[in-house]
Amino acid sequence: MTVRLFIKDSERRPDPAPVKTDDRKVVLVGLVLWIVALGVMLALLPQLQESDLVWLLWTVVVGFGLGLVLLVFTSRRHTD
């Protein structure tokens, strides 16, 4: 069997049908994980301040905020 880089259009198989998914569930799982990470960071806040690693807390806050934006985006796209 040889591998060809280019295939004629007549030899191509048809593209598969797109799979319908609910992206909101995936985003919600991600948001729950960010909330858990926020809880851990808040529990470790004194150690973070001692080590000058408070930026980790802000990383979690920004990740959660972006997740909320994505949830709004996927909810609007789902209703259309």
Protein backbone atom coordinates (compact mmCIF):
# COMPACT_ATOMS: atom_id res chain seq x y z
CA MET A 1 0.00 0.00 0.00
CA THR A 2 1.36 3.41 -0.96
CA VAL A 3 0.54 6.71 0.64
CA ARG A 4 -0.32 9.56 -1.67
CA LEU A 5 -0.27 13.18 -0.62
CA PHE A 6 -2.87 14.29 -3.13
CA ILE A 7 -6.09 12.50 -4.03
CA LYS A 8 -8.38 13.39 -6.87
CA ASP A 9 -11.80 14.69 -5.89
CA SER A 10 -13.43 11.74 -7.62
CA GLU A 11 -11.48 9.32 -5.38
CA ARG A 12 -12.34 11.03 -2.09
CA ARG A 13 -14.85 9.56 0.30
CA PRO A 14 -17.64 11.91 1.38
CA ASP A 15 -17.13 13.90 4.56
CA PRO A 16 -18.87 12.44 7.62
CA ALA A 17 -21.90 14.22 9.02
CA PRO A 18 -21.11 16.59 11.91
CA VAL A 19 -21.81 15.23 15.37
CA LYS A 20 -24.26 17.24 17.45
CA THR A 21 -22.79 18.05 20.86
CA ASP A 22 -23.75 20.15 23.85
CA ASP A 23 -20.65 22.23 24.49
CA ARG A 24 -22.21 23.80 27.57
CA LYS A 25 -21.67 20.58 29.54
CA VAL A 26 -17.96 20.62 28.75
CA VAL A 27 -17.69 24.28 29.75
CA LEU A 28 -19.56 23.62 33.00
CA VAL A 29 -17.15 20.81 33.89
CA GLY A 30 -14.27 23.19 33.25
CA LEU A 31 -15.88 25.86 35.43
CA VAL A 32 -16.31 23.38 38.28
CA LEU A 33 -12.62 22.51 38.00
CA TRP A 34 -11.70 26.22 38.13
CA ILE A 35 -13.87 26.64 41.25
CA VAL A 36 -12.08 23.70 42.90
CA ALA A 37 -8.73 25.23 41.96
CA LEU A 38 -9.89 28.58 43.41
CA GLY A 39 -10.80 26.89 46.68
CA VAL A 40 -7.38 25.25 46.86
CA MET A 41 -5.63 28.53 46.09
CA LEU A 42 -7.62 30.37 48.76
CA ALA A 43 -6.82 27.63 51.28
CA LEU A 44 -3.12 28.01 50.44
CA LEU A 45 -3.16 31.81 50.30
CA PRO A 46 -0.71 32.37 53.20
CA GLN A 47 1.83 30.02 51.59
CA LEU A 48 1.31 31.70 48.22
CA GLN A 49 1.98 35.11 49.76
CA GLU A 50 5.14 33.87 51.47
CA SER A 51 6.46 32.42 48.21
CA ASP A 52 5.42 35.37 46.01
CA LEU A 53 3.13 33.10 44.00
CA VAL A 54 -0.09 35.13 44.34
CA TRP A 55 -0.16 35.30 40.53
CA LEU A 56 -1.36 31.68 40.62
CA LEU A 57 -4.54 32.86 42.33
CA TRP A 58 -5.08 35.48 39.62
CA THR A 59 -4.52 32.83 36.95
CA VAL A 60 -7.37 30.80 38.42
CA VAL A 61 -9.62 33.88 38.64
CA VAL A 62 -8.95 34.76 34.99
CA GLY A 63 -9.54 31.14 33.91
CA PHE A 64 -12.89 31.14 35.71
CA GLY A 65 -13.84 34.48 34.12
CA LEU A 66 -12.97 33.25 30.64
CA GLY A 67 -15.00 30.12 31.33
CA LEU A 68 -18.01 32.28 32.17
CA VAL A 69 -17.59 34.20 28.91
CA LEU A 70 -17.38 30.91 27.02
CA LEU A 71 -20.50 29.63 28.79
CA VAL A 72 -22.44 32.71 27.63
CA PHE A 73 -21.09 32.26 24.09
CA THR A 74 -22.00 28.55 23.92
CA SER A 75 -25.44 29.17 25.45
CA ARG A 76 -26.24 31.79 22.83
CA ARG A 77 -24.99 29.53 20.04
CA HIS A 78 -27.04 26.62 21.39
CA THR A 79 -30.31 28.58 21.31
CA ASP A 80 -29.84 29.77 17.72
